[in-house]
C-alpha atoms as a PDB file:
ATOM      1  CA  MET A   1      -4.886 -11.411 -31.992  1.00  0.00           C
ATOM      2  CA  ILE A   2      -7.322  -8.690 -32.506  1.00  0.00           C
ATOM      3  CA  GLN A   3      -9.698  -8.343 -29.752  1.00  0.00           C
ATOM      4  CA  LEU A   4     -12.588  -6.533 -30.911  1.00  0.00           C
ATOM      5  CA  MET A   5     -16.201  -5.525 -28.852  1.00  0.00           C
ATOM      6  CA  ARG A   6     -17.683  -9.744 -29.265  1.00  0.00           C
ATOM      7  CA  LYS A   7     -14.992 -10.574 -31.754  1.00  0.00           C
ATOM      8  CA  ARG A   8     -11.623 -12.110 -31.791  1.00  0.00           C
ATOM      9  CA  LEU A   9      -9.571 -12.915 -35.132  1.00  0.00           C
ATOM     10  CA  ASP A  10      -6.336 -13.686 -35.798  1.00  0.00           C
ATOM     11  CA  PRO A  11      -4.472 -11.998 -38.536  1.00  0.00           C
ATOM     12  CA  ASP A  12      -1.990 -14.222 -39.189  1.00  0.00           C
ATOM     13  CA  ALA A  13      -4.411 -17.476 -39.423  1.00  0.00           C
ATOM     14  CA  LEU A  14      -6.432 -15.452 -42.151  1.00  0.00           C
ATOM     15  CA  GLU A  15      -6.942 -16.259 -45.967  1.00  0.00           C
ATOM     16  CA  VAL A  16      -4.811 -14.368 -47.946  1.00  0.00           C
ATOM     17  CA  LEU A  17      -6.578 -12.617 -50.579  1.00  0.00           C
ATOM     18  CA  TYR A  18      -3.157 -10.012 -52.008  1.00  0.00           C
ATOM     19  CA  ASP A  19       0.508 -10.046 -50.580  1.00  0.00           C
ATOM     20  CA  ARG A  20       3.105  -8.736 -53.274  1.00  0.00           C
ATOM     21  CA  PRO A  21       5.942  -6.669 -51.848  1.00  0.00           C
ATOM     22  CA  PHE A  22       6.102  -2.679 -52.925  1.00  0.00           C
ATOM     23  CA  SER A  23       8.316  -3.077 -56.427  1.00  0.00           C
ATOM     24  CA  LYS A  24       8.579  -1.017 -59.635  1.00  0.00           C
ATOM     25  CA  GLU A  25       6.775  -3.489 -61.355  1.00  0.00           C
ATOM     26  CA  SER A  26       3.622  -4.449 -58.379  1.00  0.00           C
ATOM     27  CA  PHE A  27       3.464  -0.695 -58.623  1.00  0.00           C
ATOM     28  CA  GLU A  28       2.993  -0.261 -62.378  1.00  0.00           C
ATOM     29  CA  GLU A  29       0.650  -3.653 -62.787  1.00  0.00           C
ATOM     30  CA  ASP A  30      -1.634  -3.473 -59.249  1.00  0.00           C
ATOM     31  CA  PHE A  31      -2.064  -0.049 -58.929  1.00  0.00           C
ATOM     32  CA  GLU A  32      -2.991   3.532 -60.796  1.00  0.00           C
ATOM     33  CA  LEU A  33      -1.996   6.533 -60.095  1.00  0.00           C
ATOM     34  CA  LYS A  34      -4.452   9.037 -58.952  1.00  0.00           C
ATOM     35  CA  GLY A  35      -2.571  12.152 -58.494  1.00  0.00           C
ATOM     36  CA  GLY A  36       0.891  13.329 -56.167  1.00  0.00           C
ATOM     37  CA  LYS A  37       4.307  11.586 -56.575  1.00  0.00           C
ATOM     38  CA  TRP A  38       4.618   8.039 -55.763  1.00  0.00           C
ATOM     39  CA  TYR A  39       7.516   6.079 -55.753  1.00  0.00           C
ATOM     40  CA  VAL A  40       9.012   2.698 -55.118  1.00  0.00           C
ATOM     41  CA  ASP A  41      12.416   3.141 -52.538  1.00  0.00           C
ATOM     42  CA  ASP A  42      15.293   1.143 -52.801  1.00  0.00           C
ATOM     43  CA  GLU A  43      14.228  -0.617 -48.991  1.00  0.00           C
ATOM     44  CA  GLY A  44      10.364  -1.521 -50.722  1.00  0.00           C
ATOM     45  CA  TRP A  45       8.778   1.495 -49.269  1.00  0.00           C
ATOM     46  CA  LEU A  46       6.051   2.875 -51.267  1.00  0.00           C
ATOM     47  CA  VAL A  47       6.744   6.737 -50.703  1.00  0.00           C
ATOM     48  CA  GLY A  48       4.027   9.098 -51.197  1.00  0.00           C
ATOM     49  CA  GLU A  49       4.651  12.766 -52.022  1.00  0.00           C
ATOM     50  CA  ASN A  50       2.183  15.362 -51.901  1.00  0.00           C
ATOM     51  CA  ARG A  51       2.288  19.233 -50.967  1.00  0.00           C
ATOM     52  CA  GLU A  52      -1.336  19.914 -51.708  1.00  0.00           C
ATOM     53  CA  ASN A  53      -4.763  20.039 -49.630  1.00  0.00           C
ATOM     54  CA  CYS A  54      -6.384  17.049 -52.008  1.00  0.00           C
ATOM     55  CA  ALA A  55      -6.083  13.386 -51.400  1.00  0.00           C
ATOM     56  CA  ALA A  56      -3.581  12.421 -53.309  1.00  0.00           C
ATOM     57  CA  MET A  57      -3.754   8.043 -53.920  1.00  0.00           C
ATOM     58  CA  VAL A  58      -2.576   5.204 -55.547  1.00  0.00           C
ATOM     59  CA  MET A  59      -5.857   2.842 -55.859  1.00  0.00           C
ATOM     60  CA  SER A  60      -5.445  -1.382 -56.141  1.00  0.00           C
ATOM     61  CA  LYS A  61      -6.967  -2.223 -60.043  1.00  0.00           C
ATOM     62  CA  ASP A  62      -8.365  -5.242 -57.909  1.00  0.00           C
ATOM     63  CA  GLU A  63     -11.432  -5.046 -55.820  1.00  0.00           C
ATOM     64  CA  PHE A  64     -11.709  -6.782 -52.303  1.00  0.00           C
ATOM     65  CA  PHE A  65     -15.715  -7.539 -51.499  1.00  0.00           C
ATOM     66  CA  GLY A  66     -16.647  -8.774 -48.484  1.00  0.00           C
ATOM     67  CA  ASP A  67     -15.352  -8.575 -44.601  1.00  0.00           C
ATOM     68  CA  VAL A  68     -11.899  -7.972 -45.445  1.00  0.00           C
ATOM     69  CA  LEU A  69      -7.942  -6.842 -43.255  1.00  0.00           C
ATOM     70  CA  VAL A  70      -6.079  -4.443 -45.080  1.00  0.00           C
ATOM     71  CA  GLU A  71      -2.192  -5.055 -42.980  1.00  0.00           C
ATOM     72  CA  PHE A  72       0.638  -2.756 -44.174  1.00  0.00           C
ATOM     73  CA  ASP A  73       3.273  -0.825 -41.931  1.00  0.00           C
ATOM     74  CA  ALA A  74       3.313   2.584 -42.497  1.00  0.00           C
ATOM     75  CA  ALA A  75       5.109   6.015 -41.443  1.00  0.00           C
ATOM     76  CA  THR A  76       5.416   9.831 -42.025  1.00  0.00           C
ATOM     77  CA  ILE A  77       8.766  10.904 -43.446  1.00  0.00           C
ATOM     78  CA  LEU A  78      10.209  13.684 -41.584  1.00  0.00           C
ATOM     79  CA  PRO A  79       9.671  16.652 -41.308  1.00  0.00           C
ATOM     80  CA  ALA A  80       6.239  15.379 -42.389  1.00  0.00           C
ATOM     81  CA  THR A  81       4.286  14.592 -39.232  1.00  0.00           C
ATOM     82  CA  ARG A  82       0.740  13.695 -40.310  1.00  0.00           C
ATOM     83  CA  ASP A  83      -1.978  12.168 -42.049  1.00  0.00           C
ATOM     84  CA  ILE A  84      -1.208   8.563 -42.735  1.00  0.00           C
ATOM     85  CA  ASN A  85      -4.421   8.302 -44.911  1.00  0.00           C
ATOM     86  CA  VAL A  86      -5.875   4.565 -46.635  1.00  0.00           C
ATOM     87  CA  THR A  87      -8.886   3.824 -48.207  1.00  0.00           C
ATOM     88  CA  TRP A  88     -10.843  -0.172 -48.480  1.00  0.00           C
ATOM     89  CA  HIS A  89     -14.143  -0.215 -50.164  1.00  0.00           C
ATOM     90  CA  GLY A  90     -13.465   2.194 -52.547  1.00  0.00           C
ATOM     91  CA  SER A  91     -14.111   3.858 -55.969  1.00  0.00           C
ATOM     92  CA  TRP A  92     -13.416   6.327 -57.967  1.00  0.00           C
ATOM     93  CA  ASN A  93     -15.319   9.436 -59.870  1.00  0.00           C
ATOM     94  CA  GLU A  94     -13.446   9.153 -63.525  1.00  0.00           C
ATOM     95  CA  GLU A  95     -15.661  12.101 -64.674  1.00  0.00           C
ATOM     96  CA  ILE A  96     -14.692  14.804 -61.511  1.00  0.00           C
ATOM     97  CA  ASN A  97     -11.304  12.645 -60.729  1.00  0.00           C
ATOM     98  CA  LYS A  98     -11.694  12.519 -57.090  1.00  0.00           C
ATOM     99  CA  ARG A  99     -12.739   9.820 -54.459  1.00  0.00           C
ATOM    100  CA  ASP A 100     -16.107   8.425 -54.966  1.00  0.00           C
ATOM    101  CA  ILE A 101     -17.309   5.983 -53.010  1.00  0.00           C
ATOM    102  CA  ALA A 102     -15.024   4.585 -50.054  1.00  0.00           C
ATOM    103  CA  TYR A 103     -14.114   4.382 -46.353  1.00  0.00           C
ATOM    104  CA  VAL A 104     -11.293   5.980 -45.241  1.00  0.00           C
ATOM    105  CA  PHE A 105      -8.818   5.519 -42.071  1.00  0.00           C
ATOM    106  CA  GLY A 106      -5.941   7.934 -40.701  1.00  0.00           C
ATOM    107  CA  ILE A 107      -3.998   8.448 -37.976  1.00  0.00           C
ATOM    108  CA  GLU A 108      -2.922  11.886 -36.917  1.00  0.00           C
ATOM    109  CA  GLY A 109      -5.215  13.856 -39.291  1.00  0.00           C
ATOM    110  CA  TRP A 110      -8.342  15.574 -39.816  1.00  0.00           C
ATOM    111  CA  TRP A 111      -5.810  18.655 -39.176  1.00  0.00           C
ATOM    112  CA  GLU A 112      -6.424  17.853 -35.341  1.00  0.00           C
ATOM    113  CA  GLY A 113      -4.363  14.719 -34.900  1.00  0.00           C
ATOM    114  CA  LEU A 114      -7.128  12.679 -34.833  1.00  0.00           C
ATOM    115  CA  ILE A 115      -7.025   8.433 -35.652  1.00  0.00           C
ATOM    116  CA  GLY A 116     -10.459   7.724 -37.261  1.00  0.00           C
ATOM    117  CA  PHE A 117     -13.300   6.791 -39.593  1.00  0.00           C
ATOM    118  CA  GLU A 118     -15.148   8.797 -42.796  1.00  0.00           C
ATOM    119  CA  ARG A 119     -17.372   7.577 -45.147  1.00  0.00           C
ATOM    120  CA  SER A 120     -16.514   9.508 -48.951  1.00  0.00           C
ATOM    121  CA  PRO A 121     -17.820  10.713 -50.811  1.00  0.00           C
ATOM    122  CA  GLU A 122     -20.552  12.353 -48.621  1.00  0.00           C
ATOM    123  CA  TYR A 123     -18.650  12.349 -45.434  1.00  0.00           C
ATOM    124  CA  GLU A 124     -21.865  12.335 -42.328  1.00  0.00           C
ATOM    125  CA  PHE A 125     -20.285   9.296 -41.117  1.00  0.00           C
ATOM    126  CA  LYS A 126     -17.217  10.302 -39.513  1.00  0.00           C
ATOM    127  CA  VAL A 127     -15.545   9.609 -35.749  1.00  0.00           C
ATOM    128  CA  GLY A 128     -12.225  10.247 -34.043  1.00  0.00           C
ATOM    129  CA  THR A 129     -10.338  10.462 -30.792  1.00  0.00           C
ATOM    130  CA  LYS A 130      -7.201  11.992 -29.789  1.00  0.00           C
ATOM    131  CA  LEU A 131      -6.184   9.462 -27.855  1.00  0.00           C
ATOM    132  CA  PHE A 132      -3.911   7.576 -29.635  1.00  0.00           C
ATOM    133  CA  PRO A 133      -0.362   8.192 -28.655  1.00  0.00           C
ATOM    134  CA  PHE A 134       1.147   9.093 -32.772  1.00  0.00           C
ATOM    135  CA  GLU A 135       4.927   9.485 -32.954  1.00  0.00           C
ATOM    136  CA  ALA A 136       5.679  11.720 -36.338  1.00  0.00           C
ATOM    137  CA  GLY A 137       8.253   9.136 -38.601  1.00  0.00           C
ATOM    138  CA  ARG A 138       7.931   6.083 -35.970  1.00  0.00           C
ATOM    139  CA  VAL A 139       6.718   3.102 -38.696  1.00  0.00           C
ATOM    140  CA  TYR A 140       3.355   1.280 -36.623  1.00  0.00           C
ATOM    141  CA  HIS A 141       1.993  -2.119 -37.943  1.00  0.00           C
ATOM    142  CA  VAL A 142      -1.548  -1.163 -38.933  1.00  0.00           C
ATOM    143  CA  ALA A 143      -4.808  -3.385 -39.561  1.00  0.00           C
ATOM    144  CA  VAL A 144      -8.080  -1.857 -40.633  1.00  0.00           C
ATOM    145  CA  GLY A 145     -11.123  -3.541 -41.638  1.00  0.00           C
ATOM    146  CA  ASN A 146     -14.320  -4.330 -41.395  1.00  0.00           C
ATOM    147  CA  ILE A 147     -16.770  -7.548 -40.369  1.00  0.00           C
ATOM    148  CA  GLY A 148     -20.517  -5.884 -41.796  1.00  0.00           C
ATOM    149  CA  ASN A 149     -20.604  -2.554 -40.871  1.00  0.00           C
ATOM    150  CA  GLU A 150     -18.222  -3.091 -38.170  1.00  0.00           C
ATOM    151  CA  LEU A 151     -14.858  -0.662 -38.803  1.00  0.00           C
ATOM    152  CA  PHE A 152     -11.544  -1.068 -36.455  1.00  0.00           C
ATOM    153  CA  ILE A 153      -8.091  -0.101 -36.168  1.00  0.00           C
ATOM    154  CA  ALA A 154      -5.510  -1.890 -35.004  1.00  0.00           C
ATOM    155  CA  ILE A 155      -2.376  -0.169 -34.244  1.00  0.00           C
ATOM    156  CA  ASP A 156       0.639  -2.824 -33.823  1.00  0.00           C
ATOM    157  CA  GLY A 157      -1.920  -5.423 -32.667  1.00  0.00           C
ATOM    158  CA  VAL A 158      -3.493  -3.383 -30.158  1.00  0.00           C
ATOM    159  CA  LEU A 159      -7.785  -2.057 -31.315  1.00  0.00           C
ATOM    160  CA  ALA A 160      -7.472   1.797 -31.706  1.00  0.00           C
ATOM    161  CA  LEU A 161     -10.894   2.304 -32.420  1.00  0.00           C
ATOM    162  CA  GLU A 162     -13.961   0.105 -33.608  1.00  0.00           C
ATOM    163  CA  VAL A 163     -17.435   1.485 -34.766  1.00  0.00           C
ATOM    164  CA  HIS A 164     -20.431   0.587 -36.090  1.00  0.00           C
ATOM    165  CA  ASP A 165     -21.636   2.886 -39.197  1.00  0.00           C
ATOM    166  CA  PRO A 166     -25.410   3.023 -39.541  1.00  0.00           C
ATOM    167  CA  ASN A 167     -25.659   3.372 -43.378  1.00  0.00           C
ATOM    168  CA  PRO A 168     -22.885   1.006 -44.611  1.00  0.00           C
ATOM    169  CA  ILE A 169     -21.267   1.070 -48.000  1.00  0.00           C
ATOM    170  CA  ASP A 170     -22.515  -1.872 -50.566  1.00  0.00           C
ATOM    171  CA  ILE A 171     -18.918  -3.843 -49.389  1.00  0.00           C
ATOM    172  CA  ASN A 172     -19.937  -6.591 -52.094  1.00  0.00           C
ATOM    173  CA  LYS A 173     -19.791  -3.604 -54.672  1.00  0.00           C
ATOM    174  CA  TYR A 174     -16.864  -1.696 -53.862  1.00  0.00           C
ATOM    175  CA  GLY A 175     -13.569  -3.417 -52.974  1.00  0.00           C
ATOM    176  CA  ARG A 176     -10.531  -0.784 -54.203  1.00  0.00           C
ATOM    177  CA  VAL A 177      -7.965   0.062 -51.760  1.00  0.00           C
ATOM    178  CA  GLY A 178      -5.955   3.085 -51.358  1.00  0.00           C
ATOM    179  CA  PHE A 179      -3.016   4.726 -50.492  1.00  0.00           C
ATOM    180  CA  GLU A 180      -3.218   8.246 -49.344  1.00  0.00           C
ATOM    181  CA  ALA A 181      -0.408  11.372 -49.269  1.00  0.00           C
ATOM    182  CA  TYR A 182      -2.545  13.675 -47.881  1.00  0.00           C
ATOM    183  CA  CYS A 183      -0.602  17.809 -47.887  1.00  0.00           C
ATOM    184  CA  THR A 184       2.387  14.961 -46.166  1.00  0.00           C
ATOM    185  CA  LYS A 185       5.085  12.938 -47.578  1.00  0.00           C
ATOM    186  CA  VAL A 186       4.422   9.173 -45.958  1.00  0.00           C
ATOM    187  CA  LYS A 187       5.436   5.945 -47.166  1.00  0.00           C
ATOM    188  CA  TYR A 188       3.586   1.973 -46.565  1.00  0.00           C
ATOM    189  CA  LYS A 189       5.180  -1.670 -47.051  1.00  0.00           C
ATOM    190  CA  ASN A 190       3.916  -5.196 -46.390  1.00  0.00           C
ATOM    191  CA  TYR A 191       0.735  -4.458 -48.073  1.00  0.00           C
ATOM    192  CA  LYS A 192      -1.662  -7.703 -47.614  1.00  0.00           C
ATOM    193  CA  VAL A 193      -5.371  -7.935 -48.046  1.00  0.00           C
ATOM    194  CA  LYS A 194      -7.049 -10.690 -46.064  1.00  0.00           C
ATOM    195  CA  ARG A 195     -10.456 -12.242 -45.606  1.00  0.00           C
ATOM    196  CA  ILE A 196     -11.587 -12.052 -42.329  1.00  0.00           C
ATOM    197  CA  THR A 197     -12.603 -15.073 -39.531  1.00  0.00           C
ATOM    198  CA  TYR A 198     -13.050 -14.959 -36.605  1.00  0.00           C
ATOM    199  CA  THR A 199     -14.163 -16.634 -32.943  1.00  0.00           C
ATOM    200  CA  ASP A 200     -17.015 -15.169 -31.170  1.00  0.00           C
ATOM    201  CA  THR A 201     -16.354 -13.631 -27.318  1.00  0.00           C
ATOM    202  CA  ALA A 202     -19.745 -12.445 -26.393  1.00  0.00           C
ATOM    203  CA  LYS A 203     -20.577 -13.736 -22.918  1.00  0.00           C
ATOM    204  CA  PRO A 204     -21.995 -11.986 -19.376  1.00  0.00           C
ATOM    205  CA  TYR A 205     -20.052 -10.751 -16.989  1.00  0.00           C
ATOM    206  CA  ASP A 206     -19.592 -12.891 -14.181  1.00  0.00           C
ATOM    207  CA  PRO A 207     -20.629 -10.648 -10.888  1.00  0.00           C
ATOM    208  CA  GLU A 208     -17.324  -9.013  -9.058  1.00  0.00           C
ATOM    209  CA  PHE A 209     -18.840  -8.226  -5.895  1.00  0.00           C
END
């Protein structure tokens, strides 16, 4: 279960929109290479390597609109210690060959070891915190998603950050998912996309005194 401010959702009970293990075939058929070195290793991890200060990406060919949850396992590959970054409700600008409209979330990112969100390409919407106790090389189960303009990250089933975007992306127009390697070496596995449904848990406080 993931408990948000006034909602609760069960990732295991959600409608699955995409669930295909990473392999050479699925990578070639379902994703587009947008930069960096990417490959699927013998254990089924999608590995991204990039030494440049840019968002070297692979992006899904399919688009997933509306309220969606993106789930996966991820870790940095030592000696890399930073930047597990993924986009959703995304797009790509072919003219300048860069990420365009998208929500970006990151763990141990933004040069200061933050966990948070930003909205590409203007980056006027950003939020981050250093409160997440990140360990380089550790595998985390990540669930990132949106309910309308409400964005959230849960790590290993626990809510790490929830925010509301006052100027949200049109989630019915942009829907690509992208995995990133930003001057790091990272790996991703068990990628799934699900349609979000939830239980309303809003309630009044009971007096405690």
